[in-house]
Protein backbone atom coordinates (compact mmCIF):
# COMPACT_ATOMS: atom_id res chain seq x y z
CA UNK A 1 -44.20 2.44 -0.05
CA UNK A 2 -40.98 0.74 1.02
CA UNK A 3 -39.18 2.14 -2.04
CA UNK A 4 -40.46 5.64 -1.27
CA UNK A 5 -39.14 5.44 2.28
CA UNK A 6 -35.68 4.51 0.97
CA UNK A 7 -35.66 7.39 -1.50
CA UNK A 8 -36.68 9.93 1.14
CA UNK A 9 -34.10 8.60 3.60
CA UNK A 10 -31.32 8.75 1.02
CA UNK A 11 -32.22 12.31 0.10
CA UNK A 12 -32.24 13.48 3.72
CA UNK A 13 -28.95 11.75 4.52
CA UNK A 14 -27.37 13.24 1.41
CA UNK A 15 -28.53 16.70 2.42
CA UNK A 16 -27.81 16.65 6.14
CA UNK A 17 -25.74 13.55 6.75
CA UNK A 18 -22.62 12.24 5.01
CA UNK A 19 -21.58 14.56 2.18
CA UNK A 20 -18.68 13.86 -0.15
CA UNK A 21 -15.73 16.17 0.52
CA UNK A 22 -14.86 18.39 -2.45
CA UNK A 23 -12.05 20.08 -0.50
CA UNK A 24 -10.08 16.93 0.29
CA UNK A 25 -9.29 15.21 3.56
CA UNK A 26 -8.23 16.80 6.83
CA UNK A 27 -5.41 15.31 8.89
CA UNK A 28 -4.93 16.55 12.45
CA UNK A 29 -1.80 15.63 14.39
CA UNK A 30 -0.95 16.70 17.96
CA UNK A 31 1.00 19.66 16.56
CA UNK A 32 -0.70 20.72 13.29
CA UNK A 33 -3.69 20.39 10.97
CA UNK A 34 -3.44 19.86 7.21
CA UNK A 35 -6.52 20.38 5.02
CA UNK A 36 -7.37 19.80 1.37
CA UNK A 37 -5.48 16.49 1.05
CA UNK A 38 -6.38 14.61 -2.13
CA UNK A 39 -3.51 12.11 -2.02
CA UNK A 40 -0.56 10.94 0.04
CA UNK A 41 2.58 10.85 -2.12
CA UNK A 42 4.98 8.34 -0.58
CA UNK A 43 8.75 8.41 -0.89
CA UNK A 44 10.47 5.56 -2.67
CA UNK A 45 10.39 2.57 -0.38
CA UNK A 46 11.10 -1.14 -0.08
CA UNK A 47 9.21 -4.33 -0.85
CA UNK A 48 10.31 -7.91 -0.28
CA UNK A 49 8.72 -10.82 -2.18
CA UNK A 50 9.36 -13.61 0.33
CA UNK A 51 9.81 -16.82 -1.65
CA UNK A 52 9.15 -14.94 -4.89
CA UNK A 53 12.11 -16.22 -6.91
CA UNK A 54 11.43 -19.79 -5.83
CA UNK A 55 7.76 -19.47 -6.78
CA UNK A 56 8.71 -18.24 -10.27
CA UNK A 57 11.13 -21.16 -10.68
CA UNK A 58 8.47 -23.62 -9.54
CA UNK A 59 5.98 -22.24 -12.07
CA UNK A 60 8.56 -22.16 -14.90
CA UNK A 61 9.50 -25.81 -14.30
CA UNK A 62 5.85 -26.93 -14.04
CA UNK A 63 6.23 -27.82 -10.37
CA UNK A 64 3.00 -25.99 -9.57
CA UNK A 65 0.15 -24.04 -11.15
CA UNK A 66 -1.22 -20.63 -10.24
CA UNK A 67 -2.87 -20.59 -6.84
CA UNK A 68 -1.07 -23.64 -5.47
CA UNK A 69 1.10 -23.09 -2.38
CA UNK A 70 4.41 -23.61 -4.22
CA UNK A 71 3.49 -20.84 -6.70
CA UNK A 72 2.40 -18.41 -3.99
CA UNK A 73 4.54 -15.92 -2.08
CA UNK A 74 4.10 -13.13 0.45
CA UNK A 75 4.98 -9.48 -0.20
CA UNK A 76 5.85 -7.02 2.57
CA UNK A 77 6.70 -3.35 2.21
CA UNK A 78 7.24 0.01 3.91
CA UNK A 79 7.88 3.68 3.12
CA UNK A 80 7.49 7.18 4.57
CA UNK A 81 5.50 10.16 3.33
CA UNK A 82 7.05 12.49 0.78
CA UNK A 83 4.24 15.03 0.40
CA UNK A 84 0.53 15.77 0.62
CA UNK A 85 -0.97 16.68 -2.75
CA UNK A 86 -4.19 18.40 -3.80
CA UNK A 87 -5.36 21.54 -5.55
CA UNK A 88 -6.15 23.23 -2.24
CA UNK A 89 -3.84 21.43 0.16
CA UNK A 90 -2.81 23.73 3.03
CA UNK A 91 0.79 22.48 3.25
CA UNK A 92 2.90 19.91 1.44
CA UNK A 93 4.25 17.97 4.41
CA UNK A 94 4.38 17.67 8.17
CA UNK A 95 6.57 20.12 10.04
CA UNK A 96 6.87 17.73 12.99
CA UNK A 97 7.15 13.95 12.95
CA UNK A 98 6.44 11.59 10.07
CA UNK A 99 3.84 9.36 8.45
CA UNK A 100 4.79 5.82 7.43
CA UNK A 101 3.04 2.75 6.03
CA UNK A 102 3.56 -0.99 6.15
CA UNK A 103 1.74 -3.64 4.13
CA UNK A 104 1.55 -7.36 3.56
CA UNK A 105 -0.33 -9.43 0.98
CA UNK A 106 0.04 -12.58 -1.09
CA UNK A 107 0.58 -13.11 -4.83
CA UNK A 108 0.69 -16.15 -7.10
CA UNK A 109 2.61 -16.67 -10.35
CA UNK A 110 0.25 -16.92 -13.33
CA UNK A 111 2.63 -16.61 -16.29
CA UNK A 112 6.32 -16.82 -17.15
CA UNK A 113 7.62 -15.87 -20.60
CA UNK A 114 11.21 -16.20 -21.83
CA UNK A 115 12.19 -14.11 -24.85
CA UNK A 116 15.62 -13.47 -26.39
CA UNK A 117 14.35 -10.02 -27.39
CA UNK A 118 12.45 -8.71 -24.37
CA UNK A 119 13.95 -10.93 -21.66
CA UNK A 120 12.10 -12.85 -18.96
CA UNK A 121 8.72 -11.61 -17.75
CA UNK A 122 6.77 -13.05 -14.84
CA UNK A 123 3.15 -12.06 -14.21
CA UNK A 124 1.32 -12.37 -10.92
CA UNK A 125 -2.19 -12.26 -9.53
CA UNK A 126 -3.47 -11.20 -6.13
CA UNK A 127 -4.34 -13.99 -3.69
CA UNK A 128 -7.24 -13.10 -1.43
CA UNK A 129 -6.18 -15.26 1.48
CA UNK A 130 -4.21 -15.22 4.69
CA UNK A 131 -0.44 -14.93 4.57
CA UNK A 132 1.66 -18.05 4.86
CA UNK A 133 3.09 -16.79 8.13
CA UNK A 134 -0.37 -16.37 9.63
CA UNK A 135 -2.78 -13.45 9.88
CA UNK A 136 -4.76 -11.53 7.28
CA UNK A 137 -3.27 -9.26 4.65
CA UNK A 138 -2.91 -5.72 5.92
CA UNK A 139 -2.15 -2.06 5.23
CA UNK A 140 -1.36 0.32 8.11
CA UNK A 141 -0.46 4.01 8.36
CA UNK A 142 1.35 5.36 11.43
CA UNK A 143 2.08 8.82 12.78
CA UNK A 144 5.21 9.24 14.88
CA UNK A 145 6.15 12.51 16.58
CA UNK A 146 9.78 11.43 16.19
CA UNK A 147 10.96 10.79 12.62
CA UNK A 148 12.87 7.56 13.20
CA UNK A 149 12.14 5.42 10.14
CA UNK A 150 15.33 4.00 8.62
CA UNK A 151 15.32 2.58 5.09
CA UNK A 152 18.55 0.62 5.48
CA UNK A 153 17.67 -0.89 8.85
CA UNK A 154 14.04 -1.40 7.80
CA UNK A 155 12.87 -0.22 11.21
CA UNK A 156 10.70 2.60 12.52
CA UNK A 157 7.92 2.15 9.96
CA UNK A 158 5.43 0.33 12.19
CA UNK A 159 5.78 2.22 15.46
CA UNK A 160 4.15 5.42 16.62
CA UNK A 161 0.36 5.83 16.62
CA UNK A 162 -1.76 3.74 14.25
CA UNK A 163 -4.05 6.18 12.40
CA UNK A 164 -5.46 4.11 9.51
CA UNK A 165 -5.63 0.44 8.65
CA UNK A 166 -7.49 -1.91 6.36
CA UNK A 167 -7.37 -5.04 4.26
CA UNK A 168 -5.87 -4.90 0.77
CA UNK A 169 -8.03 -5.96 -2.15
CA UNK A 170 -7.40 -6.12 -5.89
CA UNK A 171 -9.06 -3.23 -7.71
CA UNK A 172 -8.54 -4.46 -11.27
CA UNK A 173 -9.42 -8.13 -11.68
CA UNK A 174 -8.11 -8.21 -15.27
CA UNK A 175 -4.44 -7.93 -14.29
CA UNK A 176 -2.36 -7.37 -11.20
CA UNK A 177 1.40 -7.09 -11.54
CA UNK A 178 4.46 -8.14 -13.48
CA UNK A 179 8.24 -7.97 -13.37
CA UNK A 180 10.58 -8.06 -16.36
CA UNK A 181 14.29 -8.85 -16.37
CA UNK A 182 16.07 -7.92 -19.60
CA UNK A 183 19.02 -10.32 -19.30
CA UNK A 184 19.13 -12.63 -16.24
CA UNK A 185 22.82 -13.37 -16.88
CA UNK A 186 23.73 -9.67 -16.62
CA UNK A 187 23.86 -8.58 -12.98
CA UNK A 188 25.03 -5.45 -11.17
CA UNK A 189 25.50 -4.41 -7.55
CA UNK A 190 22.21 -4.19 -5.62
CA UNK A 191 22.56 -0.41 -5.24
CA UNK A 192 21.73 2.19 -2.61
CA UNK A 193 20.47 5.73 -2.10
CA UNK A 194 22.36 8.10 -4.36
CA UNK A 195 23.81 5.50 -6.70
CA UNK A 196 23.00 5.37 -10.41
CA UNK A 197 21.67 2.48 -12.55
CA UNK A 198 24.89 2.55 -14.57
CA UNK A 199 27.23 2.59 -11.57
CA UNK A 200 25.37 1.30 -8.49
CA UNK A 201 27.09 1.07 -5.12
CA UNK A 202 25.99 -1.06 -2.19
CA UNK A 203 24.88 0.22 1.18
CA UNK A 204 26.56 -0.94 4.38
CA UNK A 205 25.53 -4.44 5.38
CA UNK A 206 24.93 -5.67 1.83
CA UNK A 207 28.54 -6.54 1.02
CA UNK A 208 28.96 -7.50 -2.64
CA UNK A 209 25.33 -8.57 -3.16
CA UNK A 210 24.32 -8.27 -6.81
CA UNK A 211 20.94 -8.07 -8.52
CA UNK A 212 19.25 -8.69 -11.81
CA UNK A 213 18.17 -5.49 -13.58
CA UNK A 214 14.42 -5.26 -13.88
CA UNK A 215 11.22 -3.30 -13.50
CA UNK A 216 7.54 -3.93 -13.00
CA UNK A 217 4.19 -2.41 -12.15
CA UNK A 218 1.49 -3.39 -9.70
CA UNK A 219 -2.04 -2.29 -10.59
CA UNK A 220 -3.99 -0.22 -8.09
CA UNK A 221 -4.58 -1.88 -4.74
CA UNK A 222 -7.78 -0.73 -3.08
CA UNK A 223 -8.68 -0.63 0.58
CA UNK A 224 -12.40 -1.32 0.66
CA UNK A 225 -14.64 1.01 2.64
CA UNK A 226 -15.86 -1.81 4.90
CA UNK A 227 -12.29 -2.70 5.84
CA UNK A 228 -10.99 0.78 6.66
CA UNK A 229 -10.75 1.90 10.26
CA UNK A 230 -9.25 5.22 11.29
CA UNK A 231 -8.17 7.01 14.44
CA UNK A 232 -10.87 9.69 14.67
CA UNK A 233 -8.51 12.06 16.48
CA UNK A 234 -6.40 12.26 13.29
CA UNK A 235 -9.34 12.34 10.83
CA UNK A 236 -11.84 14.58 12.68
CA UNK A 237 -15.48 14.91 11.53
CA UNK A 238 -14.99 12.73 8.46
CA UNK A 239 -15.27 9.16 7.26
CA UNK A 240 -12.57 7.73 4.99
CA UNK A 241 -14.44 6.09 2.12
CA UNK A 242 -11.45 4.91 0.10
CA UNK A 243 -7.68 4.83 0.35
CA UNK A 244 -5.58 3.39 -2.47
CA UNK A 245 -2.11 2.18 -3.20
CA UNK A 246 -1.94 3.44 -6.77
CA UNK A 247 0.31 1.98 -9.50
CA UNK A 248 3.19 0.66 -7.42
CA UNK A 249 6.37 0.74 -9.53
CA UNK A 250 9.15 -1.74 -8.73
CA UNK A 251 12.75 -1.57 -9.91
CA UNK A 252 16.21 -3.01 -9.37
CA UNK A 253 18.92 -1.91 -8.74
CA UNK A 254 18.22 0.56 -5.94
CA UNK A 255 19.04 4.20 -6.71
CA UNK A 256 16.94 6.43 -4.42
CA UNK A 257 16.71 4.56 -1.10
CA UNK A 258 18.82 1.95 0.62
CA UNK A 259 17.56 -1.66 0.46
CA UNK A 260 16.22 -2.69 3.85
CA UNK A 261 18.13 -5.22 5.92
CA UNK A 262 14.95 -6.26 7.74
CA UNK A 263 11.16 -6.24 7.35
CA UNK A 264 9.72 -6.38 10.89
CA UNK A 265 6.16 -6.14 9.52
CA UNK A 266 6.73 -9.55 7.94
CA UNK A 267 8.87 -11.06 10.68
CA UNK A 268 12.00 -10.92 8.45
CA UNK A 269 15.03 -10.16 10.63
CA UNK A 270 17.74 -10.70 7.98
CA UNK A 271 16.85 -9.79 4.40
CA UNK A 272 20.32 -10.69 3.09
CA UNK A 273 19.81 -14.35 4.03
CA UNK A 274 16.52 -14.44 2.08
CA UNK A 275 17.92 -12.67 -0.99
CA UNK A 276 21.22 -14.53 -1.26
CA UNK A 277 24.28 -13.41 -3.25
CA UNK A 278 22.23 -12.41 -6.33
CA UNK A 279 18.89 -10.67 -5.83
CA UNK A 280 16.29 -12.17 -8.17
CA UNK A 281 18.07 -15.44 -8.86
CA UNK A 282 17.71 -18.69 -6.93
CA UNK A 283 21.36 -18.73 -5.87
CA UNK A 284 21.42 -19.27 -2.13
CA UNK A 285 18.21 -17.28 -1.65
CA UNK A 286 14.50 -17.55 -2.34
CA UNK A 287 13.34 -13.90 -2.30
CA UNK A 288 13.69 -10.65 -4.24
CA UNK A 289 13.89 -7.13 -2.79
CA UNK A 290 12.61 -4.18 -4.84
CA UNK A 291 12.68 -0.39 -4.73
CA UNK A 292 9.09 0.83 -4.89
CA UNK A 293 7.21 4.07 -5.52
CA UNK A 294 3.50 4.72 -5.03
CA UNK A 295 0.87 7.27 -4.05
CA UNK A 296 -2.42 7.03 -2.17
CA UNK A 297 -5.51 8.95 -3.36
CA UNK A 298 -7.99 9.43 -0.50
CA UNK A 299 -11.75 10.04 -0.56
CA UNK A 300 -13.60 11.24 2.53
CA UNK A 301 -17.10 12.29 3.52
CA UNK A 302 -18.00 14.84 6.15
CA UNK A 303 -19.73 13.69 9.32
CA UNK A 304 -22.37 16.17 10.54
CA UNK A 305 -21.93 18.03 13.81
CA UNK A 306 -24.22 17.06 16.73
CA UNK A 307 -26.59 19.96 15.95
CA UNK A 308 -27.00 18.72 12.39
CA UNK A 309 -27.63 15.21 13.65
CA UNK A 310 -30.35 16.58 15.91
CA UNK A 311 -31.98 18.31 12.94
CA UNK A 312 -31.66 15.09 10.97
CA UNK A 313 -33.48 13.23 13.75
CA UNK A 314 -36.23 15.85 13.85
CA UNK A 315 -36.59 15.56 10.09
CA UNK A 316 -37.13 11.82 10.31
CA UNK A 317 -39.51 12.31 13.24
CA UNK A 318 -41.57 14.75 11.18
CA UNK A 319 -41.77 12.32 8.27
CA UNK A 320 -42.91 9.55 10.60
CA UNK A 321 -45.54 11.79 12.26
CA UNK A 322 -46.96 12.81 8.89
CA UNK A 323 -47.26 9.17 7.83
CA UNK A 324 -49.02 8.21 11.06
CA UNK A 325 -51.60 10.95 10.55
CA UNK A 326 -52.25 9.79 6.99
CA UNK A 327 -52.69 6.23 8.11
């Protein structure tokens, strides 16, 4: 009988309670409402692997093994929204204000391969633990009525109104991320918005900082349902079941955005001091800064209106009454 009760309850909830949204998510700001959102497409942004180059060196010289503190490093990042996407999305972007995200999580070096043909490749795995600086890993989305985020300064990404947050978890346990450098001895200027890979130019504040030339990919990061909390005023009458950071690409040099001089979400006030004169090499610095690109598919479920909830309650009451009469 217990199994029957569960089946009946699931059927009623599916019919009158939480129903998966086929039309996409709804986002309501103080000035507008966007419907039919299937994904948030973020602009190219910034990520800083704090202690990343040192961790790779430690692993390569057998000073540590994967998972040990000297092979671990923290990653912080930020970006702003480029567009809403979806087959039936009502508009492609906000007309007022901006959406931004910040994140922080930890990785560990699991492999380092040197090849005269393909170059140096480091592979990493996700560490499900607190950050070295204290506090849990995090992902947060903000709405700000004033578009004040600044890629070069690294500021304005974690202010405004917090509308969604959660804890980052690895979606694919088989692999996580990697970064490949073709020729570590061949370096170019770090780059900036509008520069090209062949002829990069540095943004103000970066001086003559150079970088290795590389690229990588981070597998999908998933925000688990249990960890997601939202501001109901911005996501009305719906529950956010999943929100992803999907296939984060990472490259150097920078070509689309300016490299950030600070990462307030990670307590980094001066990125140049952490990177050193050559980004990606342990030459006066321990960290590597990367240009990133990602998108965020979203899955929601509708929450019934009060009248529907009342009917749902009456339905359960009727089932209970019928059982009492039979007993």
